[in-house]
Protein backbone atom coordinates (compact mmCIF):
# COMPACT_ATOMS: atom_id res chain seq x y z
CA MET A 1 0.00 0.00 0.00
CA THR A 2 1.40 3.40 -1.00
CA LYS A 3 1.23 6.57 1.09
CA PHE A 4 -1.52 7.83 -1.19
CA ASP A 5 -3.51 4.62 -0.70
CA GLU A 6 -3.19 5.09 3.06
CA ALA A 7 -4.11 8.77 2.88
CA THR A 8 -7.34 7.95 1.00
CA GLN A 9 -8.27 4.83 2.95
CA ALA A 10 -11.93 4.44 3.98
CA ILE A 11 -12.81 2.04 6.81
CA ARG A 12 -16.32 0.63 6.80
CA VAL A 13 -18.31 1.30 9.99
CA ASP A 14 -21.69 0.07 8.81
CA GLU A 15 -23.55 -0.47 5.55
CA ASN A 16 -23.55 3.23 4.65
CA THR A 17 -20.85 4.85 6.81
CA TYR A 18 -17.05 4.95 6.46
CA ASP A 19 -14.42 6.46 8.73
CA VAL A 20 -11.63 8.39 7.02
CA CYS A 21 -8.67 10.44 8.23
CA LEU A 22 -7.89 13.45 6.05
CA ASP A 23 -4.15 13.73 5.55
CA PRO A 24 -2.38 17.10 6.09
CA GLY A 25 0.07 16.16 3.33
CA TYR A 26 -2.43 17.22 0.65
CA ALA A 27 -2.89 20.86 1.67
CA ILE A 28 -2.73 23.86 -0.64
CA GLY A 29 -1.72 26.58 1.77
CA GLY A 30 -4.25 25.60 4.42
CA PRO A 31 -7.26 24.00 2.67
CA LEU A 32 -6.98 20.44 1.42
CA ASN A 33 -6.84 19.80 -2.31
CA GLY A 34 -10.25 19.08 -3.84
CA GLY A 35 -9.04 16.19 -5.98
CA TYR A 36 -7.57 14.48 -2.93
CA LEU A 37 -10.87 14.87 -1.08
CA MET A 38 -12.76 13.43 -4.03
CA ALA A 39 -10.43 10.41 -4.04
CA VAL A 40 -11.20 9.82 -0.35
CA ILE A 41 -14.93 9.90 -1.04
CA LEU A 42 -14.52 7.54 -4.00
CA ARG A 43 -12.81 4.91 -1.85
CA ALA A 44 -15.95 4.62 0.24
CA ALA A 45 -18.36 4.83 -2.69
CA VAL A 46 -16.63 2.08 -4.69
CA ASP A 47 -16.40 -0.19 -1.64
CA ALA A 48 -20.15 0.20 -1.15
CA SER A 49 -20.92 -0.42 -4.84
CA PRO A 50 -21.42 -3.73 -6.70
CA PHE A 51 -19.16 -2.32 -9.48
CA GLU A 52 -15.41 -1.78 -9.62
CA HIS A 53 -14.86 1.68 -11.06
CA PRO A 54 -16.06 5.25 -10.43
CA VAL A 55 -17.03 6.44 -13.92
CA SER A 56 -18.51 9.79 -12.88
CA GLN A 57 -18.31 12.00 -9.81
CA THR A 58 -19.85 15.38 -9.09
CA ALA A 59 -19.07 17.29 -5.91
CA GLN A 60 -20.28 20.55 -4.40
CA PHE A 61 -17.72 21.97 -1.97
CA LEU A 62 -19.93 23.35 0.79
CA LYS A 63 -17.05 23.97 3.18
CA ALA A 64 -13.29 23.46 3.33
CA PRO A 65 -12.54 20.32 5.39
CA VAL A 66 -9.42 20.31 7.57
CA ALA A 67 -6.97 17.50 8.22
CA GLY A 68 -8.18 14.96 10.75
CA PRO A 69 -11.01 12.47 11.32
CA ALA A 70 -14.14 12.61 9.14
CA GLN A 71 -16.80 10.30 7.76
CA VAL A 72 -18.18 9.49 4.34
CA ARG A 73 -21.87 8.65 4.24
CA ILE A 74 -23.19 6.75 1.23
CA GLU A 75 -26.85 6.76 0.18
CA PRO A 76 -27.47 4.19 -2.58
CA LEU A 77 -29.96 5.52 -5.14
CA LYS A 78 -30.21 2.78 -7.77
CA ALA A 79 -28.24 -0.23 -9.00
CA GLY A 80 -28.84 -1.69 -12.45
CA ARG A 81 -27.08 -4.30 -14.56
CA THR A 82 -24.34 -1.98 -15.81
CA ALA A 83 -24.19 0.96 -13.40
CA ALA A 84 -25.04 2.03 -9.86
CA PHE A 85 -25.81 5.50 -8.53
CA ALA A 86 -25.25 6.87 -5.03
CA ARG A 87 -25.17 10.10 -3.08
CA ALA A 88 -22.00 10.64 -1.06
CA THR A 89 -21.43 13.17 1.73
CA LEU A 90 -18.17 13.98 3.50
CA VAL A 91 -19.01 14.92 7.08
CA GLN A 92 -16.68 16.44 9.67
CA ASP A 93 -17.69 17.31 13.24
CA GLY A 94 -21.30 16.56 12.29
CA VAL A 95 -21.34 19.11 9.46
CA ALA A 96 -21.57 18.25 5.75
CA GLN A 97 -18.45 19.49 3.96
CA ILE A 98 -18.79 18.02 0.46
CA GLU A 99 -21.96 16.69 -1.15
CA GLY A 100 -22.16 14.88 -4.46
CA LEU A 101 -23.28 12.07 -6.74
CA ILE A 102 -21.21 9.11 -7.93
CA THR A 103 -21.84 6.64 -10.73
CA THR A 104 -19.97 3.34 -10.66
CA ALA A 105 -19.58 0.68 -13.34
CA THR A 106 -16.98 -1.83 -14.50
CA LEU A 107 -14.80 -0.69 -17.40
CA GLN A 108 -13.16 -3.13 -19.80
CA ASP A 109 -9.76 -2.74 -21.43
CA VAL A 110 -10.92 -2.30 -25.02
CA GLU A 111 -9.80 -0.21 -27.97
CA PRO A 112 -11.87 2.96 -28.43
CA VAL A 113 -14.27 3.13 -31.35
CA TYR A 114 -13.34 6.82 -31.73
CA GLN A 115 -10.95 9.08 -29.88
CA ASP A 116 -10.31 12.76 -30.56
CA GLU A 117 -6.76 14.02 -30.79
CA ALA A 118 -5.31 15.93 -27.86
CA ALA A 119 -5.91 19.68 -28.08
CA HIS A 120 -2.22 20.39 -27.41
CA THR A 121 1.04 18.48 -27.64
CA LEU A 122 3.47 19.02 -24.78
CA PRO A 123 7.20 19.43 -25.36
CA PRO A 124 9.45 16.51 -24.38
CA ILE A 125 9.66 15.99 -20.62
CA GLU A 126 13.27 17.20 -20.52
CA ASP A 127 12.13 20.58 -21.94
CA CYS A 128 9.43 21.10 -19.30
CA ALA A 129 9.83 22.96 -16.02
CA LYS A 130 9.03 22.46 -12.32
CA LEU A 131 7.48 25.03 -10.05
CA PRO A 132 9.83 26.31 -7.31
CA ASP A 133 9.61 24.39 -4.06
CA PRO A 134 7.17 26.18 -1.74
CA LYS A 135 8.43 27.76 1.47
CA PRO A 136 7.88 25.49 4.51
CA GLU A 137 5.68 28.12 6.18
CA SER A 138 3.38 28.33 3.13
CA GLY A 139 1.39 25.21 4.06
CA MET A 140 1.72 23.92 0.47
CA THR A 141 2.30 20.26 1.29
CA LEU A 142 0.58 18.91 -1.85
CA ASN A 143 3.63 19.59 -4.02
CA ALA A 144 5.68 16.94 -2.22
CA GLN A 145 3.15 14.21 -3.12
CA MET A 146 3.47 14.49 -6.89
CA ASP A 147 5.78 15.40 -9.76
CA LEU A 148 4.54 18.06 -12.17
CA LEU A 149 6.58 19.18 -15.17
CA PHE A 150 5.00 22.14 -16.97
CA ASP A 151 4.85 23.37 -20.52
CA PRO A 152 6.97 26.52 -19.85
CA PRO A 153 4.66 29.21 -21.33
CA THR A 154 1.79 28.13 -19.05
CA ILE A 155 3.77 29.06 -15.92
CA GLY A 156 4.98 32.39 -17.28
CA TRP A 157 2.83 34.01 -14.55
CA LEU A 158 5.60 33.08 -12.08
CA LYS A 159 7.77 35.77 -13.66
CA GLY A 160 4.95 38.22 -14.28
CA GLN A 161 4.49 37.05 -17.87
CA PRO A 162 1.09 35.30 -18.05
CA THR A 163 -0.04 34.26 -21.51
CA GLY A 164 -3.31 36.12 -21.02
CA ARG A 165 -5.31 32.93 -21.56
CA PRO A 166 -6.63 30.60 -18.82
CA GLU A 167 -4.45 27.55 -19.43
CA SER A 168 -2.10 25.09 -17.76
CA ARG A 169 -0.37 21.99 -19.15
CA ALA A 170 1.91 19.50 -17.44
CA TYR A 171 3.14 15.94 -17.10
CA PHE A 172 1.97 14.32 -13.85
CA ARG A 173 2.90 11.33 -11.72
CA MET A 174 2.88 10.50 -8.02
CA ALA A 175 6.15 11.25 -6.20
CA GLU A 176 6.11 7.77 -4.68
CA PRO A 177 6.24 5.16 -7.47
CA GLN A 178 2.65 4.15 -8.19
CA ASP A 179 0.85 3.20 -11.37
CA PRO A 180 -2.08 5.56 -12.01
CA ASP A 181 -5.52 4.25 -11.10
CA PRO A 182 -8.97 5.90 -10.82
CA TYR A 183 -8.11 7.41 -7.41
CA VAL A 184 -4.87 8.90 -8.72
CA LEU A 185 -6.90 10.33 -11.62
CA ALA A 186 -9.28 12.00 -9.14
CA LEU A 187 -6.25 13.80 -7.72
CA ALA A 188 -4.78 14.52 -11.16
CA VAL A 189 -7.84 16.37 -12.50
CA ASP A 190 -7.38 18.96 -9.74
CA ALA A 191 -3.58 18.96 -9.52
CA LEU A 192 -2.76 21.89 -11.82
CA PRO A 193 -2.46 25.45 -10.55
CA PRO A 194 -5.73 27.29 -11.31
CA VAL A 195 -5.81 28.10 -15.03
CA VAL A 196 -6.87 31.65 -14.11
CA PHE A 197 -3.27 32.31 -12.99
CA SER A 198 -2.24 32.29 -16.64
CA ALA A 199 -4.94 34.88 -17.32
CA GLY A 200 -3.54 37.19 -14.63
CA GLY A 201 -5.38 35.91 -11.55
CA ARG A 202 -3.80 35.38 -8.16
CA GLY A 203 -4.59 33.87 -4.77
CA TRP A 204 -6.50 30.83 -3.55
CA ALA A 205 -9.21 29.98 -6.09
CA PRO A 206 -11.75 27.85 -4.20
CA THR A 207 -13.63 25.22 -6.18
CA VAL A 208 -17.41 25.42 -5.87
CA ASP A 209 -18.42 22.53 -8.10
CA LEU A 210 -16.29 19.84 -9.78
CA THR A 211 -17.37 17.01 -12.06
CA TRP A 212 -15.05 14.43 -13.58
CA HIS A 213 -15.41 11.29 -15.66
CA LEU A 214 -13.24 8.19 -15.81
CA ARG A 215 -13.07 7.30 -19.52
CA ALA A 216 -10.59 4.41 -19.48
CA LEU A 217 -8.20 2.64 -17.12
CA PRO A 218 -4.79 4.31 -17.49
CA ALA A 219 -1.59 2.61 -18.61
CA PRO A 220 1.49 2.85 -16.34
CA GLY A 221 3.70 5.91 -16.72
CA TRP A 222 3.38 9.68 -16.84
CA LEU A 223 -0.02 11.29 -17.30
CA THR A 224 -0.50 14.39 -19.42
CA LEU A 225 -2.78 17.12 -18.02
CA LEU A 226 -4.25 19.70 -20.39
CA GLY A 227 -6.09 22.50 -18.58
CA SER A 228 -8.06 25.38 -20.11
CA GLY A 229 -10.87 27.82 -19.38
CA ARG A 230 -13.63 29.45 -21.41
CA LEU A 231 -14.69 32.49 -19.37
CA VAL A 232 -13.33 34.59 -16.51
CA SER A 233 -16.01 37.03 -15.40
CA ASP A 234 -17.58 38.63 -12.33
CA GLY A 235 -15.28 36.78 -9.92
CA TRP A 236 -15.91 33.34 -11.44
CA PHE A 237 -13.99 31.11 -13.84
CA ASP A 238 -14.35 27.64 -15.31
CA GLU A 239 -11.61 25.06 -15.72
CA GLU A 240 -11.58 21.99 -17.94
CA VAL A 241 -8.89 19.32 -17.67
CA GLU A 242 -8.21 16.51 -20.12
CA VAL A 243 -6.02 13.65 -18.87
CA ARG A 244 -4.14 11.37 -21.26
CA ASP A 245 -2.10 8.35 -20.22
CA SER A 246 1.39 7.38 -21.42
CA THR A 247 -0.08 5.83 -24.59
CA GLY A 248 -2.00 9.00 -25.47
CA ARG A 249 -5.39 7.53 -24.55
CA LEU A 250 -7.98 9.87 -23.05
CA VAL A 251 -8.52 8.48 -19.53
CA ALA A 252 -10.27 11.32 -17.66
CA GLN A 253 -12.11 14.59 -18.22
CA SER A 254 -13.17 17.22 -15.71
CA ARG A 255 -14.88 20.58 -15.47
CA GLN A 256 -15.06 22.81 -12.45
CA LEU A 257 -16.54 26.16 -11.50
CA ALA A 258 -14.42 28.21 -9.10
CA ARG A 259 -14.02 31.66 -7.61
CA VAL A 260 -11.24 33.95 -8.79
CA GLY A 261 -8.71 34.33 -5.97
CA ARG A 262 -8.15 37.57 -4.11
CA GLY A 263 -4.37 37.75 -3.91
């Protein structure tokens, strides 16, 4: 079991309740990363399901959970021959923190009938760049859990040279050797810096709603994350992330609605 597996572990208490312990190693300056929290919820939801894989997850971030004990409560809604549906709630100190819906199914390793080409091609890994290590006092512990190597123009905002477009692109893998799986993908879809940074935004950009889909089981190796946005307006922005595995297959898609940071 890897550190990430341990950090997302869900222990069954009864038919619909799971104990979890939210790990401080996945913080982004105080709050915990939304993708990490979604992975925790998925552990419980898949365990409670008759199917193996989480093919769709939607979450509304009502509050910002903190590291420590919490519970995931599962409410089964319907189970058919090919998919099951459930409501999942992350609860901490008796208060709902994240509420959402999860669809589970069992995916097969088959060749796609049709697959669109990636919107962008990243440079070779050796030509990509890392973000500077965060200062210890920043509370940015998430960075230590993963390797991200960025397409250089999309982190021009670090030097005051944003591209002017909401975008972010990077290679991704866990820092501890681990083949990507659906739970790693839940983290990956929310692992990029907010795309609004490249459009000139700054500060913590809290996610309000995030939906992602598992499209295929990923092959071992680096993942490619392609992030973009359509509209930044009135203090809100959207972010879409496309995840490709080491073979180029589309394995996950996400869209989130978030607030523009005040920083």
